[in-house]
Amino acid sequence: MQVYSQFNTKEFNKEYTELTEMKFTDMKDFMSKYWSTPEQIESTRAKMNYIFSFFEGVGVLVYRGLLNPKYVDDLMSSYIFRSWHKFGDLIVQARVY
């Protein structure tokens, strides 16, 4: 439940909402809108690191058998799927660089 208590904070939900409400069509569009000035890069990177690091940590806990995947499915699957749907292509493309 400690994982859920972090997930359920006002700060997490604010950052998550701002991140998932970004509008872009592809990597080039994303870069021009959210990654073109030092201020944008800092803000966007902070949001992405905060949210995606949390989900990565949840994945590690599930993988290591420390967190039951049923709890993740019950409590946060829609958030995880929405994040991946929104940013999955960008994440895959960023791994190339």
PDB file of N, CA and C in Angstrom:
ATOM      1  N   MET A   1       0.818  -1.205   0.000  1.00  0.00           N
ATOM      2  CA  MET A   1       0.000   0.000   0.000  1.00  0.00           C
ATOM      3  C   MET A   1       0.860   1.267   0.000  1.00  0.00           C
ATOM      4  N   GLN A   2       2.127   1.147   0.382  1.00  0.00           N
ATOM      5  CA  GLN A   2       3.001   2.316   0.312  1.00  0.00           C
ATOM      6  C   GLN A   2       3.161   2.776  -1.135  1.00  0.00           C
ATOM      7  N   VAL A   3       3.224   1.830  -2.056  1.00  0.00           N
ATOM      8  CA  VAL A   3       3.318   2.186  -3.475  1.00  0.00           C
ATOM      9  C   VAL A   3       2.067   2.952  -3.886  1.00  0.00           C
ATOM     10  N   TYR A   4       0.916   2.472  -3.473  1.00  0.00           N
ATOM     11  CA  TYR A   4      -0.338   3.130  -3.831  1.00  0.00           C
ATOM     12  C   TYR A   4      -0.437   4.506  -3.189  1.00  0.00           C
ATOM     13  N   SER A   5       0.070   4.659  -1.984  1.00  0.00           N
ATOM     14  CA  SER A   5      -0.017   5.958  -1.326  1.00  0.00           C
ATOM     15  C   SER A   5       0.804   7.015  -2.074  1.00  0.00           C
ATOM     16  N   GLN A   6       1.912   6.631  -2.686  1.00  0.00           N
ATOM     17  CA  GLN A   6       2.690   7.562  -3.516  1.00  0.00           C
ATOM     18  C   GLN A   6       1.926   7.875  -4.804  1.00  0.00           C
ATOM     19  N   PHE A   7       1.356   6.856  -5.395  1.00  0.00           N
ATOM     20  CA  PHE A   7       0.594   6.985  -6.632  1.00  0.00           C
ATOM     21  C   PHE A   7      -0.625   7.885  -6.448  1.00  0.00           C
ATOM     22  N   ASN A   8      -1.194   7.864  -5.273  1.00  0.00           N
ATOM     23  CA  ASN A   8      -2.450   8.548  -5.001  1.00  0.00           C
ATOM     24  C   ASN A   8      -2.262   9.959  -4.434  1.00  0.00           C
ATOM     25  N   THR A   9      -1.076  10.535  -4.576  1.00  0.00           N
ATOM     26  CA  THR A   9      -0.858  11.887  -4.052  1.00  0.00           C
ATOM     27  C   THR A   9      -1.340  12.946  -5.041  1.00  0.00           C
ATOM     28  N   LYS A  10      -1.609  14.114  -4.521  1.00  0.00           N
ATOM     29  CA  LYS A  10      -2.012  15.244  -5.362  1.00  0.00           C
ATOM     30  C   LYS A  10      -0.888  15.604  -6.339  1.00  0.00           C
ATOM     31  N   GLU A  11       0.361  15.579  -5.870  1.00  0.00           N
ATOM     32  CA  GLU A  11       1.503  15.914  -6.734  1.00  0.00           C
ATOM     33  C   GLU A  11       1.624  14.939  -7.902  1.00  0.00           C
ATOM     34  N   PHE A  12       1.544  13.630  -7.611  1.00  0.00           N
ATOM     35  CA  PHE A  12       1.649  12.641  -8.678  1.00  0.00           C
ATOM     36  C   PHE A  12       0.545  12.856  -9.707  1.00  0.00           C
ATOM     37  N   ASN A  13      -0.665  13.028  -9.240  1.00  0.00           N
ATOM     38  CA  ASN A  13      -1.791  13.181 -10.165  1.00  0.00           C
ATOM     39  C   ASN A  13      -1.715  14.478 -10.963  1.00  0.00           C
ATOM     40  N   LYS A  14      -1.190  15.539 -10.379  1.00  0.00           N
ATOM     41  CA  LYS A  14      -0.997  16.789 -11.111  1.00  0.00           C
ATOM     42  C   LYS A  14       0.026  16.586 -12.233  1.00  0.00           C
ATOM     43  N   GLU A  15       1.152  16.001 -11.906  1.00  0.00           N
ATOM     44  CA  GLU A  15       2.200  15.782 -12.905  1.00  0.00           C
ATOM     45  C   GLU A  15       1.728  14.800 -13.989  1.00  0.00           C
ATOM     46  N   TYR A  16       1.059  13.748 -13.566  1.00  0.00           N
ATOM     47  CA  TYR A  16       0.539  12.758 -14.511  1.00  0.00           C
ATOM     48  C   TYR A  16      -0.449  13.410 -15.482  1.00  0.00           C
ATOM     49  N   THR A  17      -1.358  14.208 -14.955  1.00  0.00           N
ATOM     50  CA  THR A  17      -2.361  14.870 -15.789  1.00  0.00           C
ATOM     51  C   THR A  17      -1.706  15.830 -16.774  1.00  0.00           C
ATOM     52  N   GLU A  18      -0.764  16.630 -16.306  1.00  0.00           N
ATOM     53  CA  GLU A  18      -0.076  17.555 -17.208  1.00  0.00           C
ATOM     54  C   GLU A  18       0.654  16.791 -18.316  1.00  0.00           C
ATOM     55  N   LEU A  19       1.259  15.698 -17.956  1.00  0.00           N
ATOM     56  CA  LEU A  19       1.999  14.906 -18.935  1.00  0.00           C
ATOM     57  C   LEU A  19       1.062  14.284 -19.965  1.00  0.00           C
ATOM     58  N   THR A  20       0.003  13.666 -19.504  1.00  0.00           N
ATOM     59  CA  THR A  20      -0.877  12.951 -20.431  1.00  0.00           C
ATOM     60  C   THR A  20      -1.801  13.878 -21.218  1.00  0.00           C
ATOM     61  N   GLU A  21      -1.888  15.142 -20.828  1.00  0.00           N
ATOM     62  CA  GLU A  21      -2.690  16.090 -21.603  1.00  0.00           C
ATOM     63  C   GLU A  21      -1.877  16.809 -22.674  1.00  0.00           C
ATOM     64  N   MET A  22      -0.587  16.488 -22.786  1.00  0.00           N
ATOM     65  CA  MET A  22       0.224  17.063 -23.849  1.00  0.00           C
ATOM     66  C   MET A  22      -0.345  16.618 -25.201  1.00  0.00           C
ATOM     67  N   LYS A  23      -0.357  17.532 -26.148  1.00  0.00           N
ATOM     68  CA  LYS A  23      -0.889  17.243 -27.487  1.00  0.00           C
ATOM     69  C   LYS A  23       0.256  17.239 -28.489  1.00  0.00           C
ATOM     70  N   PHE A  24       0.463  16.104 -29.145  1.00  0.00           N
ATOM     71  CA  PHE A  24       1.489  15.988 -30.182  1.00  0.00           C
ATOM     72  C   PHE A  24       1.145  14.814 -31.078  1.00  0.00           C
ATOM     73  N   THR A  25       1.684  14.841 -32.288  1.00  0.00           N
ATOM     74  CA  THR A  25       1.375  13.785 -33.252  1.00  0.00           C
ATOM     75  C   THR A  25       2.507  12.784 -33.430  1.00  0.00           C
ATOM     76  N   ASP A  26       3.737  13.243 -33.223  1.00  0.00           N
ATOM     77  CA  ASP A  26       4.893  12.376 -33.396  1.00  0.00           C
ATOM     78  C   ASP A  26       6.085  12.976 -32.656  1.00  0.00           C
ATOM     79  N   MET A  27       7.243  12.341 -32.770  1.00  0.00           N
ATOM     80  CA  MET A  27       8.435  12.797 -32.056  1.00  0.00           C
ATOM     81  C   MET A  27       8.809  14.229 -32.444  1.00  0.00           C
ATOM     82  N   LYS A  28       8.765  14.544 -33.723  1.00  0.00           N
ATOM     83  CA  LYS A  28       9.124  15.886 -34.182  1.00  0.00           C
ATOM     84  C   LYS A  28       8.187  16.934 -33.585  1.00  0.00           C
ATOM     85  N   ASP A  29       6.903  16.657 -33.592  1.00  0.00           N
ATOM     86  CA  ASP A  29       5.913  17.567 -33.028  1.00  0.00           C
ATOM     87  C   ASP A  29       6.127  17.711 -31.521  1.00  0.00           C
ATOM     88  N   PHE A  30       6.371  16.605 -30.840  1.00  0.00           N
ATOM     89  CA  PHE A  30       6.640  16.641 -29.406  1.00  0.00           C
ATOM     90  C   PHE A  30       7.855  17.523 -29.106  1.00  0.00           C
ATOM     91  N   MET A  31       8.940  17.300 -29.848  1.00  0.00           N
ATOM     92  CA  MET A  31      10.180  18.053 -29.621  1.00  0.00           C
ATOM     93  C   MET A  31       9.952  19.554 -29.845  1.00  0.00           C
ATOM     94  N   SER A  32       9.212  19.906 -30.856  1.00  0.00           N
ATOM     95  CA  SER A  32       8.997  21.332 -31.139  1.00  0.00           C
ATOM     96  C   SER A  32       8.114  21.998 -30.083  1.00  0.00           C
ATOM     97  N   LYS A  33       7.170  21.256 -29.520  1.00  0.00           N
ATOM     98  CA  LYS A  33       6.246  21.842 -28.545  1.00  0.00           C
ATOM     99  C   LYS A  33       6.742  21.791 -27.106  1.00  0.00           C
ATOM    100  N   TYR A  34       7.475  20.719 -26.750  1.00  0.00           N
ATOM    101  CA  TYR A  34       7.787  20.499 -25.341  1.00  0.00           C
ATOM    102  C   TYR A  34       9.275  20.312 -25.048  1.00  0.00           C
ATOM    103  N   TRP A  35      10.132  20.430 -26.068  1.00  0.00           N
ATOM    104  CA  TRP A  35      11.540  20.114 -25.866  1.00  0.00           C
ATOM    105  C   TRP A  35      12.430  21.059 -26.682  1.00  0.00           C
ATOM    106  N   SER A  36      12.003  22.307 -26.832  1.00  0.00           N
ATOM    107  CA  SER A  36      12.761  23.203 -27.706  1.00  0.00           C
ATOM    108  C   SER A  36      13.497  24.319 -26.973  1.00  0.00           C
ATOM    109  N   THR A  37      13.182  24.575 -25.720  1.00  0.00           N
ATOM    110  CA  THR A  37      13.913  25.565 -24.927  1.00  0.00           C
ATOM    111  C   THR A  37      14.426  24.885 -23.665  1.00  0.00           C
ATOM    112  N   PRO A  38      15.460  25.441 -23.057  1.00  0.00           N
ATOM    113  CA  PRO A  38      15.955  24.833 -21.813  1.00  0.00           C
ATOM    114  C   PRO A  38      14.880  24.704 -20.732  1.00  0.00           C
ATOM    115  N   GLU A  39      14.005  25.692 -20.644  1.00  0.00           N
ATOM    116  CA  GLU A  39      12.936  25.642 -19.639  1.00  0.00           C
ATOM    117  C   GLU A  39      11.947  24.514 -19.926  1.00  0.00           C
ATOM    118  N   GLN A  40      11.586  24.371 -21.212  1.00  0.00           N
ATOM    119  CA  GLN A  40      10.674  23.282 -21.596  1.00  0.00           C
ATOM    120  C   GLN A  40      11.313  21.929 -21.329  1.00  0.00           C
ATOM    121  N   ILE A  41      12.559  21.803 -21.704  1.00  0.00           N
ATOM    122  CA  ILE A  41      13.260  20.530 -21.506  1.00  0.00           C
ATOM    123  C   ILE A  41      13.291  20.174 -20.024  1.00  0.00           C
ATOM    124  N   GLU A  42      13.649  21.143 -19.186  1.00  0.00           N
ATOM    125  CA  GLU A  42      13.721  20.890 -17.747  1.00  0.00           C
ATOM    126  C   GLU A  42      12.362  20.489 -17.173  1.00  0.00           C
ATOM    127  N   SER A  43      11.328  21.205 -17.554  1.00  0.00           N
ATOM    128  CA  SER A  43       9.988  20.919 -17.042  1.00  0.00           C
ATOM    129  C   SER A  43       9.471  19.571 -17.528  1.00  0.00           C
ATOM    130  N   THR A  44       9.593  19.329 -18.825  1.00  0.00           N
ATOM    131  CA  THR A  44       9.095  18.078 -19.398  1.00  0.00           C
ATOM    132  C   THR A  44       9.892  16.887 -18.876  1.00  0.00           C
ATOM    133  N   ARG A  45      11.209  17.023 -18.826  1.00  0.00           N
ATOM    134  CA  ARG A  45      12.046  15.931 -18.318  1.00  0.00           C
ATOM    135  C   ARG A  45      11.694  15.607 -16.865  1.00  0.00           C
ATOM    136  N   ALA A  46      11.464  16.626 -16.051  1.00  0.00           N
ATOM    137  CA  ALA A  46      11.111  16.389 -14.647  1.00  0.00           C
ATOM    138  C   ALA A  46       9.798  15.611 -14.536  1.00  0.00           C
ATOM    139  N   LYS A  47       8.815  16.003 -15.316  1.00  0.00           N
ATOM    140  CA  LYS A  47       7.529  15.294 -15.295  1.00  0.00           C
ATOM    141  C   LYS A  47       7.698  13.839 -15.744  1.00  0.00           C
ATOM    142  N   MET A  48       8.413  13.664 -16.855  1.00  0.00           N
ATOM    143  CA  MET A  48       8.594  12.317 -17.393  1.00  0.00           C
ATOM    144  C   MET A  48       9.381  11.439 -16.421  1.00  0.00           C
ATOM    145  N   ASN A  49      10.442  11.980 -15.859  1.00  0.00           N
ATOM    146  CA  ASN A  49      11.233  11.197 -14.903  1.00  0.00           C
ATOM    147  C   ASN A  49      10.405  10.810 -13.688  1.00  0.00           C
ATOM    148  N   TYR A  50       9.625  11.745 -13.185  1.00  0.00           N
ATOM    149  CA  TYR A  50       8.809  11.486 -12.000  1.00  0.00           C
ATOM    150  C   TYR A  50       7.794  10.368 -12.251  1.00  0.00           C
ATOM    151  N   ILE A  51       7.047  10.489 -13.319  1.00  0.00           N
ATOM    152  CA  ILE A  51       5.978   9.533 -13.604  1.00  0.00           C
ATOM    153  C   ILE A  51       6.533   8.194 -14.086  1.00  0.00           C
ATOM    154  N   PHE A  52       7.418   8.233 -15.074  1.00  0.00           N
ATOM    155  CA  PHE A  52       7.902   6.981 -15.651  1.00  0.00           C
ATOM    156  C   PHE A  52       8.819   6.226 -14.697  1.00  0.00           C
ATOM    157  N   SER A  53       9.555   6.928 -13.856  1.00  0.00           N
ATOM    158  CA  SER A  53      10.373   6.241 -12.848  1.00  0.00           C
ATOM    159  C   SER A  53       9.492   5.518 -11.842  1.00  0.00           C
ATOM    160  N   PHE A  54       8.376   6.134 -11.498  1.00  0.00           N
ATOM    161  CA  PHE A  54       7.443   5.468 -10.585  1.00  0.00           C
ATOM    162  C   PHE A  54       6.929   4.171 -11.201  1.00  0.00           C
ATOM    163  N   PHE A  55       6.458   4.248 -12.448  1.00  0.00           N
ATOM    164  CA  PHE A  55       5.940   3.050 -13.102  1.00  0.00           C
ATOM    165  C   PHE A  55       7.025   2.001 -13.312  1.00  0.00           C
ATOM    166  N   GLU A  56       8.232   2.439 -13.619  1.00  0.00           N
ATOM    167  CA  GLU A  56       9.339   1.488 -13.750  1.00  0.00           C
ATOM    168  C   GLU A  56       9.605   0.794 -12.416  1.00  0.00           C
ATOM    169  N   GLY A  57       9.554   1.545 -11.333  1.00  0.00           N
ATOM    170  CA  GLY A  57       9.732   0.957 -10.012  1.00  0.00           C
ATOM    171  C   GLY A  57       8.655  -0.061  -9.689  1.00  0.00           C
ATOM    172  N   VAL A  58       7.421   0.238 -10.051  1.00  0.00           N
ATOM    173  CA  VAL A  58       6.331  -0.719  -9.861  1.00  0.00           C
ATOM    174  C   VAL A  58       6.621  -1.990 -10.657  1.00  0.00           C
ATOM    175  N   GLY A  59       7.086  -1.821 -11.889  1.00  0.00           N
ATOM    176  CA  GLY A  59       7.426  -2.979 -12.720  1.00  0.00           C
ATOM    177  C   GLY A  59       8.520  -3.836 -12.101  1.00  0.00           C
ATOM    178  N   VAL A  60       9.537  -3.207 -11.540  1.00  0.00           N
ATOM    179  CA  VAL A  60      10.619  -3.948 -10.886  1.00  0.00           C
ATOM    180  C   VAL A  60      10.085  -4.716  -9.679  1.00  0.00           C
ATOM    181  N   LEU A  61       9.234  -4.091  -8.895  1.00  0.00           N
ATOM    182  CA  LEU A  61       8.661  -4.770  -7.726  1.00  0.00           C
ATOM    183  C   LEU A  61       7.819  -5.970  -8.144  1.00  0.00           C
ATOM    184  N   VAL A  62       7.056  -5.835  -9.213  1.00  0.00           N
ATOM    185  CA  VAL A  62       6.271  -6.960  -9.722  1.00  0.00           C
ATOM    186  C   VAL A  62       7.204  -8.049 -10.226  1.00  0.00           C
ATOM    187  N   TYR A  63       8.204  -7.670 -11.014  1.00  0.00           N
ATOM    188  CA  TYR A  63       9.152  -8.631 -11.577  1.00  0.00           C
ATOM    189  C   TYR A  63       9.872  -9.416 -10.479  1.00  0.00           C
ATOM    190  N   ARG A  64      10.234  -8.758  -9.411  1.00  0.00           N
ATOM    191  CA  ARG A  64      10.959  -9.403  -8.305  1.00  0.00           C
ATOM    192  C   ARG A  64      10.041 -10.139  -7.326  1.00  0.00           C
ATOM    193  N   GLY A  65       8.750 -10.108  -7.603  1.00  0.00           N
ATOM    194  CA  GLY A  65       7.809 -10.832  -6.759  1.00  0.00           C
ATOM    195  C   GLY A  65       7.473 -10.128  -5.458  1.00  0.00           C
ATOM    196  N   LEU A  66       7.764  -8.835  -5.379  1.00  0.00           N
ATOM    197  CA  LEU A  66       7.501  -8.076  -4.158  1.00  0.00           C
ATOM    198  C   LEU A  66       6.163  -7.344  -4.182  1.00  0.00           C
ATOM    199  N   LEU A  67       5.541  -7.327  -5.338  1.00  0.00           N
ATOM    200  CA  LEU A  67       4.244  -6.675  -5.488  1.00  0.00           C
ATOM    201  C   LEU A  67       3.388  -7.553  -6.382  1.00  0.00           C
ATOM    202  N   ASN A  68       2.230  -7.890  -5.908  1.00  0.00           N
ATOM    203  CA  ASN A  68       1.318  -8.742  -6.655  1.00  0.00           C
ATOM    204  C   ASN A  68       0.794  -7.992  -7.879  1.00  0.00           C
ATOM    205  N   PRO A  69       0.977  -8.546  -9.082  1.00  0.00           N
ATOM    206  CA  PRO A  69       0.503  -7.850 -10.291  1.00  0.00           C
ATOM    207  C   PRO A  69      -1.001  -7.601 -10.299  1.00  0.00           C
ATOM    208  N   LYS A  70      -1.748  -8.392  -9.545  1.00  0.00           N
ATOM    209  CA  LYS A  70      -3.198  -8.166  -9.478  1.00  0.00           C
ATOM    210  C   LYS A  70      -3.509  -6.815  -8.834  1.00  0.00           C
ATOM    211  N   TYR A  71      -2.695  -6.409  -7.859  1.00  0.00           N
ATOM    212  CA  TYR A  71      -2.907  -5.098  -7.228  1.00  0.00           C
ATOM    213  C   TYR A  71      -2.626  -3.971  -8.218  1.00  0.00           C
ATOM    214  N   VAL A  72      -1.580  -4.135  -8.993  1.00  0.00           N
ATOM    215  CA  VAL A  72      -1.246  -3.137 -10.006  1.00  0.00           C
ATOM    216  C   VAL A  72      -2.387  -3.049 -11.021  1.00  0.00           C
ATOM    217  N   ASP A  73      -2.872  -4.197 -11.449  1.00  0.00           N
ATOM    218  CA  ASP A  73      -3.981  -4.220 -12.404  1.00  0.00           C
ATOM    219  C   ASP A  73      -5.220  -3.546 -11.811  1.00  0.00           C
ATOM    220  N   ASP A  74      -5.548  -3.877 -10.580  1.00  0.00           N
ATOM    221  CA  ASP A  74      -6.743  -3.321  -9.951  1.00  0.00           C
ATOM    222  C   ASP A  74      -6.642  -1.814  -9.703  1.00  0.00           C
ATOM    223  N   LEU A  75      -5.453  -1.346  -9.320  1.00  0.00           N
ATOM    224  CA  LEU A  75      -5.321   0.030  -8.856  1.00  0.00           C
ATOM    225  C   LEU A  75      -4.790   1.020  -9.892  1.00  0.00           C
ATOM    226  N   MET A  76      -3.956   0.575 -10.818  1.00  0.00           N
ATOM    227  CA  MET A  76      -3.320   1.562 -11.682  1.00  0.00           C
ATOM    228  C   MET A  76      -3.173   1.184 -13.144  1.00  0.00           C
ATOM    229  N   SER A  77      -3.796   0.113 -13.572  1.00  0.00           N
ATOM    230  CA  SER A  77      -3.597  -0.313 -14.960  1.00  0.00           C
ATOM    231  C   SER A  77      -4.044   0.742 -15.971  1.00  0.00           C
ATOM    232  N   SER A  78      -5.119   1.443 -15.712  1.00  0.00           N
ATOM    233  CA  SER A  78      -5.570   2.446 -16.684  1.00  0.00           C
ATOM    234  C   SER A  78      -4.544   3.570 -16.821  1.00  0.00           C
ATOM    235  N   TYR A  79      -3.896   3.944 -15.736  1.00  0.00           N
ATOM    236  CA  TYR A  79      -2.860   4.975 -15.790  1.00  0.00           C
ATOM    237  C   TYR A  79      -1.642   4.489 -16.582  1.00  0.00           C
ATOM    238  N   ILE A  80      -1.263   3.252 -16.353  1.00  0.00           N
ATOM    239  CA  ILE A  80      -0.108   2.681 -17.048  1.00  0.00           C
ATOM    240  C   ILE A  80      -0.404   2.557 -18.535  1.00  0.00           C
ATOM    241  N   PHE A  81      -1.563   2.024 -18.886  1.00  0.00           N
ATOM    242  CA  PHE A  81      -1.916   1.878 -20.293  1.00  0.00           C
ATOM    243  C   PHE A  81      -2.021   3.239 -20.986  1.00  0.00           C
ATOM    244  N   ARG A  82      -2.626   4.205 -20.314  1.00  0.00           N
ATOM    245  CA  ARG A  82      -2.756   5.540 -20.922  1.00  0.00           C
ATOM    246  C   ARG A  82      -1.374   6.154 -21.154  1.00  0.00           C
ATOM    247  N   SER A  83      -0.472   5.998 -20.195  1.00  0.00           N
ATOM    248  CA  SER A  83       0.889   6.527 -20.352  1.00  0.00           C
ATOM    249  C   SER A  83       1.600   5.869 -21.516  1.00  0.00           C
ATOM    250  N   TRP A  84       1.497   4.542 -21.589  1.00  0.00           N
ATOM    251  CA  TRP A  84       2.180   3.841 -22.673  1.00  0.00           C
ATOM    252  C   TRP A  84       1.563   4.191 -24.026  1.00  0.00           C
ATOM    253  N   HIS A  85       0.245   4.280 -24.076  1.00  0.00           N
ATOM    254  CA  HIS A  85      -0.421   4.647 -25.326  1.00  0.00           C
ATOM    255  C   HIS A  85       0.045   6.029 -25.794  1.00  0.00           C
ATOM    256  N   LYS A  86       0.178   6.945 -24.851  1.00  0.00           N
ATOM    257  CA  LYS A  86       0.555   8.320 -25.183  1.00  0.00           C
ATOM    258  C   LYS A  86       2.043   8.437 -25.538  1.00  0.00           C
ATOM    259  N   PHE A  87       2.917   7.759 -24.786  1.00  0.00           N
ATOM    260  CA  PHE A  87       4.355   7.983 -24.909  1.00  0.00           C
ATOM    261  C   PHE A  87       5.158   6.776 -25.379  1.00  0.00           C
ATOM    262  N   GLY A  88       4.516   5.648 -25.597  1.00  0.00           N
ATOM    263  CA  GLY A  88       5.245   4.439 -25.974  1.00  0.00           C
ATOM    264  C   GLY A  88       6.108   4.605 -27.209  1.00  0.00           C
ATOM    265  N   ASP A  89       5.548   5.193 -28.257  1.00  0.00           N
ATOM    266  CA  ASP A  89       6.324   5.392 -29.487  1.00  0.00           C
ATOM    267  C   ASP A  89       7.527   6.304 -29.249  1.00  0.00           C
ATOM    268  N   LEU A  90       7.330   7.358 -28.458  1.00  0.00           N
ATOM    269  CA  LEU A  90       8.443   8.265 -28.159  1.00  0.00           C
ATOM    270  C   LEU A  90       9.528   7.551 -27.352  1.00  0.00           C
ATOM    271  N   ILE A  91       9.108   6.737 -26.405  1.00  0.00           N
ATOM    272  CA  ILE A  91      10.079   6.005 -25.583  1.00  0.00           C
ATOM    273  C   ILE A  91      10.890   5.058 -26.444  1.00  0.00           C
ATOM    274  N   VAL A  92      10.234   4.341 -27.317  1.00  0.00           N
ATOM    275  CA  VAL A  92      10.939   3.404 -28.210  1.00  0.00           C
ATOM    276  C   VAL A  92      11.901   4.174 -29.112  1.00  0.00           C
ATOM    277  N   GLN A  93      11.458   5.288 -29.672  1.00  0.00           N
ATOM    278  CA  GLN A  93      12.321   6.083 -30.534  1.00  0.00           C
ATOM    279  C   GLN A  93      13.496   6.673 -29.754  1.00  0.00           C
ATOM    280  N   ALA A  94      13.260   7.119 -28.525  1.00  0.00           N
ATOM    281  CA  ALA A  94      14.328   7.711 -27.707  1.00  0.00           C
ATOM    282  C   ALA A  94      15.408   6.679 -27.384  1.00  0.00           C
ATOM    283  N   ARG A  95      15.043   5.424 -27.268  1.00  0.00           N
ATOM    284  CA  ARG A  95      16.027   4.371 -26.984  1.00  0.00           C
ATOM    285  C   ARG A  95      17.034   4.219 -28.111  1.00  0.00           C
ATOM    286  N   VAL A  96      16.640   4.599 -29.326  1.00  0.00           N
ATOM    287  CA  VAL A  96      17.518   4.516 -30.477  1.00  0.00           C
ATOM    288  C   VAL A  96      18.658   5.533 -30.354  1.00  0.00           C
ATOM    289  N   TYR A  97      18.349   6.698 -29.786  1.00  0.00           N
ATOM    290  CA  TYR A  97      19.344   7.760 -29.658  1.00  0.00           C
ATOM    291  C   TYR A  97      20.222   7.442 -28.517  1.00  0.00           C
TER     292      TYR A  97
END
